[in-house]
Protein backbone atom coordinates (compact mmCIF):
# COMPACT_ATOMS: atom_id res chain seq x y z
CA MET A 1 19.47 8.01 4.91
CA ASN A 2 18.72 5.09 7.20
CA PHE A 3 16.19 2.32 6.70
CA ILE A 4 14.47 0.03 9.17
CA ALA A 5 14.71 -3.70 8.50
CA CYS A 6 12.90 -6.54 10.22
CA ASP A 7 14.49 -9.99 10.43
CA GLY A 8 11.02 -11.48 10.92
CA VAL A 9 7.73 -10.79 9.20
CA TRP A 10 5.93 -7.45 8.93
CA ILE A 11 2.35 -7.77 10.18
CA HIS A 12 -0.59 -5.38 10.51
CA GLY A 13 -1.15 -4.49 14.12
CA GLY A 14 -4.47 -3.88 15.79
CA SER A 15 -4.24 -0.14 15.08
CA GLY A 16 -3.53 -0.77 11.38
CA LEU A 17 0.15 0.14 11.67
CA PRO A 18 2.86 -2.27 10.51
CA GLU A 19 4.63 -4.18 13.27
CA CYS A 20 7.75 -6.32 13.13
CA ASN A 21 7.31 -9.93 14.25
CA GLY A 22 11.09 -10.19 14.82
CA VAL A 23 13.94 -7.83 15.69
CA LEU A 24 14.24 -4.37 14.12
CA HIS A 25 17.58 -3.29 12.64
CA SER A 26 18.75 0.07 11.35
CA VAL A 27 20.43 -0.16 7.93
CA ALA A 28 22.34 2.71 6.34
CA GLY A 29 21.72 3.68 2.72
CA ASN A 30 25.27 2.65 1.74
CA GLU A 31 24.69 -0.81 3.17
CA MET A 32 21.46 -1.11 1.17
CA ARG A 33 23.33 -0.24 -2.01
CA ASN A 34 25.94 -2.90 -1.24
CA LEU A 35 23.23 -5.50 -0.55
CA SER A 36 21.36 -4.83 -3.79
CA GLY A 37 24.48 -4.99 -5.95
CA ALA A 38 26.24 -2.46 -8.11
CA ALA A 39 24.36 -0.08 -10.37
CA LEU A 40 24.27 -0.67 -14.10
CA ASN A 41 26.85 1.01 -16.26
CA TRP A 42 25.81 2.85 -19.45
CA GLU A 43 26.72 -0.09 -21.69
CA GLN A 44 24.42 -2.38 -19.72
CA VAL A 45 21.65 0.23 -19.79
CA SER A 46 21.93 0.51 -23.56
CA GLU A 47 21.86 -3.28 -23.97
CA LEU A 48 18.84 -3.60 -21.70
CA GLN A 49 16.99 -0.85 -23.59
CA GLY A 50 17.64 -2.67 -26.86
CA GLU A 51 16.28 -5.91 -25.48
CA VAL A 52 13.16 -4.19 -24.14
CA MET A 53 12.54 -2.57 -27.54
CA VAL A 54 12.85 -5.95 -29.29
CA LEU A 55 10.42 -7.49 -26.81
CA PHE A 56 7.99 -4.62 -27.36
CA ALA A 57 8.23 -5.05 -31.15
CA ILE A 58 7.59 -8.79 -30.89
CA VAL A 59 4.54 -8.34 -28.65
CA PHE A 60 3.19 -5.51 -30.81
CA GLY A 61 3.69 -7.58 -33.98
CA PHE A 62 1.95 -10.56 -32.38
CA LEU A 63 -1.04 -8.42 -31.37
CA VAL A 64 -1.32 -6.93 -34.89
CA LEU A 65 -1.19 -10.39 -36.48
CA LYS A 66 -3.76 -11.67 -34.01
CA LYS A 67 -6.10 -8.82 -34.88
CA LEU A 68 -5.67 -9.40 -38.63
CA LEU A 69 -6.36 -13.13 -38.44
C-alpha cells in the first residue's frame, strides 16, 4: 500500500478538496513502518496495559472519593 505525503501544508482548496501547498511524494507502507518505529513486543504491551489499568483505578478512586466528600 502506498501513501501520499506532502512536504508542505495541506490546505482546503476552493472545491473543498485537500491540496498540498508543497511537493507531493509517494511513500510505501514499509517506509511508513520504518518512520514510525518498531511495533511493540508482547512484553511491552503487557506492561503498557498494566500501567493503563493503574491509571484507570487511580482516576476511578479519585472520582468515587470526590463524590463521597
